[in-house]
C-alpha atoms as a PDB file:
ATOM      1  CA  UNK A   1       7.935 -38.582  -6.234  1.00  0.00           C
ATOM      2  CA  UNK A   2       5.163 -40.349  -8.161  1.00  0.00           C
ATOM      3  CA  UNK A   3       1.518 -39.362  -8.041  1.00  0.00           C
ATOM      4  CA  UNK A   4      -0.532 -40.676  -5.132  1.00  0.00           C
ATOM      5  CA  UNK A   5      -4.212 -41.510  -5.547  1.00  0.00           C
ATOM      6  CA  UNK A   6      -5.188 -38.201  -3.943  1.00  0.00           C
ATOM      7  CA  UNK A   7      -2.791 -36.262  -6.137  1.00  0.00           C
ATOM      8  CA  UNK A   8      -4.202 -37.992  -9.227  1.00  0.00           C
ATOM      9  CA  UNK A   9      -7.721 -37.034  -8.147  1.00  0.00           C
ATOM     10  CA  UNK A  10      -6.601 -33.473  -7.447  1.00  0.00           C
ATOM     11  CA  UNK A  11      -4.851 -33.189 -10.815  1.00  0.00           C
ATOM     12  CA  UNK A  12      -7.909 -34.618 -12.600  1.00  0.00           C
ATOM     13  CA  UNK A  13     -10.212 -32.110 -10.889  1.00  0.00           C
ATOM     14  CA  UNK A  14      -7.949 -29.190 -11.791  1.00  0.00           C
ATOM     15  CA  UNK A  15      -7.567 -30.421 -15.381  1.00  0.00           C
ATOM     16  CA  UNK A  16     -11.353 -30.523 -15.722  1.00  0.00           C
ATOM     17  CA  UNK A  17     -11.460 -26.927 -14.457  1.00  0.00           C
ATOM     18  CA  UNK A  18      -8.727 -25.946 -16.925  1.00  0.00           C
ATOM     19  CA  UNK A  19     -10.806 -27.355 -19.784  1.00  0.00           C
ATOM     20  CA  UNK A  20     -14.000 -25.589 -18.647  1.00  0.00           C
ATOM     21  CA  UNK A  21     -12.175 -22.310 -18.011  1.00  0.00           C
ATOM     22  CA  UNK A  22     -10.448 -22.399 -21.402  1.00  0.00           C
ATOM     23  CA  UNK A  23     -13.682 -23.196 -23.220  1.00  0.00           C
ATOM     24  CA  UNK A  24     -15.318 -20.260 -21.420  1.00  0.00           C
ATOM     25  CA  UNK A  25     -12.806 -17.961 -23.129  1.00  0.00           C
ATOM     26  CA  UNK A  26     -15.065 -18.135 -26.185  1.00  0.00           C
ATOM     27  CA  UNK A  27     -17.691 -16.102 -24.340  1.00  0.00           C
ATOM     28  CA  UNK A  28     -15.502 -14.107 -21.928  1.00  0.00           C
ATOM     29  CA  UNK A  29     -14.941 -11.301 -24.424  1.00  0.00           C
ATOM     30  CA  UNK A  30     -15.695  -7.726 -23.440  1.00  0.00           C
ATOM     31  CA  UNK A  31     -15.152  -4.810 -25.811  1.00  0.00           C
ATOM     32  CA  UNK A  32     -12.297  -6.478 -27.686  1.00  0.00           C
ATOM     33  CA  UNK A  33     -10.685  -7.965 -24.577  1.00  0.00           C
ATOM     34  CA  UNK A  34     -10.646 -11.716 -24.011  1.00  0.00           C
ATOM     35  CA  UNK A  35      -9.906 -13.525 -20.763  1.00  0.00           C
ATOM     36  CA  UNK A  36      -7.900 -16.750 -20.423  1.00  0.00           C
ATOM     37  CA  UNK A  37      -8.917 -17.912 -16.922  1.00  0.00           C
ATOM     38  CA  UNK A  38      -7.422 -21.347 -17.571  1.00  0.00           C
ATOM     39  CA  UNK A  39      -3.975 -19.861 -16.874  1.00  0.00           C
ATOM     40  CA  UNK A  40      -4.951 -18.959 -13.315  1.00  0.00           C
ATOM     41  CA  UNK A  41      -6.343 -22.466 -12.788  1.00  0.00           C
ATOM     42  CA  UNK A  42      -3.227 -24.297 -13.930  1.00  0.00           C
ATOM     43  CA  UNK A  43      -0.958 -21.907 -12.031  1.00  0.00           C
ATOM     44  CA  UNK A  44      -2.836 -22.720  -8.812  1.00  0.00           C
ATOM     45  CA  UNK A  45      -2.624 -26.429  -9.691  1.00  0.00           C
ATOM     46  CA  UNK A  46       1.143 -26.043 -10.142  1.00  0.00           C
ATOM     47  CA  UNK A  47       1.478 -24.304  -6.775  1.00  0.00           C
ATOM     48  CA  UNK A  48      -0.303 -27.206  -5.069  1.00  0.00           C
ATOM     49  CA  UNK A  49       1.194 -30.174  -6.933  1.00  0.00           C
ATOM     50  CA  UNK A  50       4.656 -29.227  -8.197  1.00  0.00           C
ATOM     51  CA  UNK A  51       6.517 -28.915  -4.872  1.00  0.00           C
ATOM     52  CA  UNK A  52       5.997 -32.634  -4.145  1.00  0.00           C
ATOM     53  CA  UNK A  53       6.232 -34.129  -7.619  1.00  0.00           C
ATOM     54  CA  UNK A  54       9.157 -35.131  -9.800  1.00  0.00           C
ATOM     55  CA  UNK A  55       9.392 -33.660 -13.276  1.00  0.00           C
ATOM     56  CA  UNK A  56       8.163 -36.791 -15.072  1.00  0.00           C
ATOM     57  CA  UNK A  57       4.570 -36.650 -13.738  1.00  0.00           C
ATOM     58  CA  UNK A  58       4.621 -32.869 -14.086  1.00  0.00           C
ATOM     59  CA  UNK A  59       5.527 -33.203 -17.787  1.00  0.00           C
ATOM     60  CA  UNK A  60       2.541 -35.537 -18.289  1.00  0.00           C
ATOM     61  CA  UNK A  61       0.267 -33.065 -16.488  1.00  0.00           C
ATOM     62  CA  UNK A  62       1.663 -30.275 -18.685  1.00  0.00           C
ATOM     63  CA  UNK A  63       0.920 -32.359 -21.783  1.00  0.00           C
ATOM     64  CA  UNK A  64      -2.641 -32.888 -20.522  1.00  0.00           C
ATOM     65  CA  UNK A  65      -3.004 -29.127 -19.969  1.00  0.00           C
ATOM     66  CA  UNK A  66      -1.817 -28.494 -23.529  1.00  0.00           C
ATOM     67  CA  UNK A  67      -4.107 -31.103 -25.078  1.00  0.00           C
ATOM     68  CA  UNK A  68      -7.180 -29.998 -23.118  1.00  0.00           C
ATOM     69  CA  UNK A  69      -6.686 -26.331 -23.974  1.00  0.00           C
ATOM     70  CA  UNK A  70      -6.153 -27.312 -27.618  1.00  0.00           C
ATOM     71  CA  UNK A  71      -9.488 -29.158 -27.643  1.00  0.00           C
ATOM     72  CA  UNK A  72     -11.300 -26.338 -25.857  1.00  0.00           C
ATOM     73  CA  UNK A  73      -9.835 -23.467 -27.865  1.00  0.00           C
ATOM     74  CA  UNK A  74     -11.410 -21.135 -30.389  1.00  0.00           C
ATOM     75  CA  UNK A  75      -7.991 -19.957 -31.611  1.00  0.00           C
ATOM     76  CA  UNK A  76      -7.061 -20.073 -35.317  1.00  0.00           C
ATOM     77  CA  UNK A  77      -4.207 -22.550 -34.754  1.00  0.00           C
ATOM     78  CA  UNK A  78      -5.251 -24.958 -31.962  1.00  0.00           C
ATOM     79  CA  UNK A  79      -1.914 -26.824 -31.832  1.00  0.00           C
ATOM     80  CA  UNK A  80      -0.269 -23.688 -30.407  1.00  0.00           C
ATOM     81  CA  UNK A  81      -2.051 -24.404 -27.127  1.00  0.00           C
ATOM     82  CA  UNK A  82       0.159 -27.438 -26.468  1.00  0.00           C
ATOM     83  CA  UNK A  83       3.430 -25.473 -26.174  1.00  0.00           C
ATOM     84  CA  UNK A  84       1.668 -22.302 -25.033  1.00  0.00           C
ATOM     85  CA  UNK A  85      -0.193 -23.763 -22.085  1.00  0.00           C
ATOM     86  CA  UNK A  86       1.675 -27.052 -21.601  1.00  0.00           C
ATOM     87  CA  UNK A  87       5.025 -25.294 -21.246  1.00  0.00           C
ATOM     88  CA  UNK A  88       3.268 -22.484 -19.396  1.00  0.00           C
ATOM     89  CA  UNK A  89       2.214 -25.009 -16.763  1.00  0.00           C
ATOM     90  CA  UNK A  90       5.759 -26.386 -16.518  1.00  0.00           C
ATOM     91  CA  UNK A  91       7.133 -22.866 -16.089  1.00  0.00           C
ATOM     92  CA  UNK A  92       4.611 -22.299 -13.275  1.00  0.00           C
ATOM     93  CA  UNK A  93       5.669 -25.646 -11.785  1.00  0.00           C
ATOM     94  CA  UNK A  94       9.316 -24.542 -11.819  1.00  0.00           C
ATOM     95  CA  UNK A  95       8.418 -21.355  -9.933  1.00  0.00           C
ATOM     96  CA  UNK A  96       6.181 -23.307  -7.551  1.00  0.00           C
ATOM     97  CA  UNK A  97       9.086 -25.602  -6.666  1.00  0.00           C
ATOM     98  CA  UNK A  98      11.036 -22.495  -5.688  1.00  0.00           C
ATOM     99  CA  UNK A  99       8.288 -20.562  -3.892  1.00  0.00           C
ATOM    100  CA  UNK A 100       6.350 -23.370  -2.198  1.00  0.00           C
ATOM    101  CA  UNK A 101       9.050 -25.989  -1.567  1.00  0.00           C
ATOM    102  CA  UNK A 102       8.198 -28.617   1.074  1.00  0.00           C
ATOM    103  CA  UNK A 103       4.539 -27.527   0.941  1.00  0.00           C
ATOM    104  CA  UNK A 104       5.155 -24.207   2.602  1.00  0.00           C
ATOM    105  CA  UNK A 105       2.495 -21.649   1.816  1.00  0.00           C
ATOM    106  CA  UNK A 106       3.342 -19.265  -0.985  1.00  0.00           C
ATOM    107  CA  UNK A 107       2.910 -15.595  -0.134  1.00  0.00           C
ATOM    108  CA  UNK A 108       0.399 -13.420  -1.974  1.00  0.00           C
ATOM    109  CA  UNK A 109       3.277 -11.669  -3.760  1.00  0.00           C
ATOM    110  CA  UNK A 110       4.683 -15.050  -4.863  1.00  0.00           C
ATOM    111  CA  UNK A 111       1.281 -16.241  -6.123  1.00  0.00           C
ATOM    112  CA  UNK A 112       0.827 -13.019  -8.104  1.00  0.00           C
ATOM    113  CA  UNK A 113       4.399 -13.247  -9.443  1.00  0.00           C
ATOM    114  CA  UNK A 114       3.809 -16.795 -10.729  1.00  0.00           C
ATOM    115  CA  UNK A 115       0.508 -15.740 -12.301  1.00  0.00           C
ATOM    116  CA  UNK A 116       1.978 -12.691 -14.057  1.00  0.00           C
ATOM    117  CA  UNK A 117       5.153 -14.357 -15.319  1.00  0.00           C
ATOM    118  CA  UNK A 118       3.294 -17.462 -16.477  1.00  0.00           C
ATOM    119  CA  UNK A 119       0.820 -15.329 -18.410  1.00  0.00           C
ATOM    120  CA  UNK A 120       3.683 -13.589 -20.245  1.00  0.00           C
ATOM    121  CA  UNK A 121       5.448 -16.897 -20.993  1.00  0.00           C
ATOM    122  CA  UNK A 122       2.235 -18.655 -22.024  1.00  0.00           C
ATOM    123  CA  UNK A 123       1.091 -15.855 -24.329  1.00  0.00           C
ATOM    124  CA  UNK A 124       4.551 -15.503 -25.904  1.00  0.00           C
ATOM    125  CA  UNK A 125       4.784 -19.238 -26.656  1.00  0.00           C
ATOM    126  CA  UNK A 126       1.192 -19.359 -27.900  1.00  0.00           C
ATOM    127  CA  UNK A 127       1.749 -16.303 -30.121  1.00  0.00           C
ATOM    128  CA  UNK A 128       5.018 -17.681 -31.517  1.00  0.00           C
ATOM    129  CA  UNK A 129       3.641 -21.114 -32.392  1.00  0.00           C
ATOM    130  CA  UNK A 130       0.449 -19.634 -33.825  1.00  0.00           C
ATOM    131  CA  UNK A 131       2.578 -17.368 -36.001  1.00  0.00           C
ATOM    132  CA  UNK A 132       4.771 -20.245 -37.159  1.00  0.00           C
ATOM    133  CA  UNK A 133       1.750 -22.451 -37.824  1.00  0.00           C
ATOM    134  CA  UNK A 134      -0.013 -19.786 -39.898  1.00  0.00           C
ATOM    135  CA  UNK A 135       3.052 -18.132 -41.453  1.00  0.00           C
ATOM    136  CA  UNK A 136       1.996 -18.865 -45.043  1.00  0.00           C
ATOM    137  CA  UNK A 137      -1.628 -17.782 -44.658  1.00  0.00           C
ATOM    138  CA  UNK A 138      -3.462 -14.432 -44.772  1.00  0.00           C
ATOM    139  CA  UNK A 139      -3.231 -14.432 -40.946  1.00  0.00           C
ATOM    140  CA  UNK A 140       0.459 -13.441 -41.128  1.00  0.00           C
ATOM    141  CA  UNK A 141      -0.142 -10.693 -43.691  1.00  0.00           C
ATOM    142  CA  UNK A 142      -2.874  -8.776 -41.871  1.00  0.00           C
ATOM    143  CA  UNK A 143      -2.663  -5.552 -39.890  1.00  0.00           C
ATOM    144  CA  UNK A 144      -3.053  -5.985 -36.132  1.00  0.00           C
ATOM    145  CA  UNK A 145      -5.232  -3.569 -34.191  1.00  0.00           C
ATOM    146  CA  UNK A 146      -6.766  -3.566 -30.722  1.00  0.00           C
ATOM    147  CA  UNK A 147      -8.911  -0.989 -28.918  1.00  0.00           C
ATOM    148  CA  UNK A 148      -8.629   1.413 -31.862  1.00  0.00           C
ATOM    149  CA  UNK A 149      -4.809   1.311 -32.016  1.00  0.00           C
ATOM    150  CA  UNK A 150      -3.162  -0.108 -35.127  1.00  0.00           C
ATOM    151  CA  UNK A 151       0.088  -1.970 -34.421  1.00  0.00           C
ATOM    152  CA  UNK A 152       0.931  -2.736 -38.048  1.00  0.00           C
ATOM    153  CA  UNK A 153       2.038  -6.053 -39.521  1.00  0.00           C
ATOM    154  CA  UNK A 154       4.388  -8.814 -38.413  1.00  0.00           C
ATOM    155  CA  UNK A 155       4.963 -10.985 -35.405  1.00  0.00           C
ATOM    156  CA  UNK A 156       5.680  -8.197 -32.915  1.00  0.00           C
ATOM    157  CA  UNK A 157       2.463  -6.428 -33.895  1.00  0.00           C
ATOM    158  CA  UNK A 158       0.545  -9.691 -33.473  1.00  0.00           C
ATOM    159  CA  UNK A 159       2.214 -10.379 -30.113  1.00  0.00           C
ATOM    160  CA  UNK A 160       1.525  -6.867 -28.803  1.00  0.00           C
ATOM    161  CA  UNK A 161      -2.086  -6.640 -29.963  1.00  0.00           C
ATOM    162  CA  UNK A 162      -2.804 -10.063 -28.485  1.00  0.00           C
ATOM    163  CA  UNK A 163      -0.982  -9.311 -25.265  1.00  0.00           C
ATOM    164  CA  UNK A 164      -2.962  -6.113 -24.798  1.00  0.00           C
ATOM    165  CA  UNK A 165      -6.227  -7.839 -25.679  1.00  0.00           C
ATOM    166  CA  UNK A 166      -5.726 -11.183 -23.907  1.00  0.00           C
ATOM    167  CA  UNK A 167      -2.634 -11.054 -21.677  1.00  0.00           C
ATOM    168  CA  UNK A 168      -3.353  -7.832 -19.796  1.00  0.00           C
ATOM    169  CA  UNK A 169      -7.042  -8.609 -19.048  1.00  0.00           C
ATOM    170  CA  UNK A 170      -6.005 -12.102 -17.943  1.00  0.00           C
ATOM    171  CA  UNK A 171      -3.355 -10.622 -15.646  1.00  0.00           C
ATOM    172  CA  UNK A 172      -5.853  -8.232 -14.087  1.00  0.00           C
ATOM    173  CA  UNK A 173      -8.398 -10.939 -13.308  1.00  0.00           C
ATOM    174  CA  UNK A 174      -5.618 -13.290 -12.136  1.00  0.00           C
ATOM    175  CA  UNK A 175      -4.248 -10.716  -9.687  1.00  0.00           C
ATOM    176  CA  UNK A 176      -7.722 -10.380  -8.186  1.00  0.00           C
ATOM    177  CA  UNK A 177      -8.898 -13.995  -8.187  1.00  0.00           C
ATOM    178  CA  UNK A 178      -5.667 -16.028  -8.106  1.00  0.00           C
ATOM    179  CA  UNK A 179      -4.572 -15.330  -4.517  1.00  0.00           C
ATOM    180  CA  UNK A 180      -8.187 -15.652  -3.309  1.00  0.00           C
ATOM    181  CA  UNK A 181      -8.518 -19.057  -4.988  1.00  0.00           C
ATOM    182  CA  UNK A 182      -5.165 -20.197  -3.595  1.00  0.00           C
ATOM    183  CA  UNK A 183      -6.039 -19.109  -0.040  1.00  0.00           C
ATOM    184  CA  UNK A 184      -9.554 -20.587  -0.227  1.00  0.00           C
ATOM    185  CA  UNK A 185      -8.576 -23.999  -1.621  1.00  0.00           C
ATOM    186  CA  UNK A 186      -5.325 -24.675   0.266  1.00  0.00           C
ATOM    187  CA  UNK A 187      -6.879 -25.173   3.754  1.00  0.00           C
ATOM    188  CA  UNK A 188      -9.519 -27.512   2.302  1.00  0.00           C
ATOM    189  CA  UNK A 189      -6.828 -29.629   0.632  1.00  0.00           C
ATOM    190  CA  UNK A 190      -4.848 -29.771   3.876  1.00  0.00           C
ATOM    191  CA  UNK A 191      -7.935 -30.920   5.806  1.00  0.00           C
ATOM    192  CA  UNK A 192      -8.694 -33.504   3.140  1.00  0.00           C
ATOM    193  CA  UNK A 193      -5.135 -34.821   3.240  1.00  0.00           C
ATOM    194  CA  UNK A 194      -4.347 -34.025  -0.394  1.00  0.00           C
ATOM    195  CA  UNK A 195      -1.792 -31.474   0.745  1.00  0.00           C
ATOM    196  CA  UNK A 196       0.533 -31.438   3.704  1.00  0.00           C
ATOM    197  CA  UNK A 197       1.242 -28.259   5.638  1.00  0.00           C
ATOM    198  CA  UNK A 198       4.602 -27.122   6.992  1.00  0.00           C
END
């Protein structure tokens, strides 16, 4: 199914929120932890849009997610945001097609599952492409530490230190806010006609 005017407007609104949320990651740093609230935003967008859309428009939305997070990022290798968050969105869309098919409401457990799994997939892809992009720089030769623990050198150390510092805090905030956002926004979209209910 192609995008309707309302779905285009809904996607545009969520993409704007993704950009703002990702840019806010520059300041959402507490004691060595950094939040990536953009993941929760594009997961909720996937839960609303993916069940009724074909893969072609979803791929374009995923590309937009990747490009916007690349522009908004403070990461050392911005291009990693395109596969990290673009494919992260598409993974969330795949799960949304399974959990919320025919516009049925996803359960709280399903919303949390999509949020947690997407965070792992997104961080892993982002970490991998950052590592590949900076493989021949001092970035790849450094020791990785977080919260006083030294994880050593190499990709696994980089993945783990980043996951502990970014992935876990993002998961915690997503578990709290994700289902609340989903439950708060869904009825409004149904009333507006942007989303059908079953």
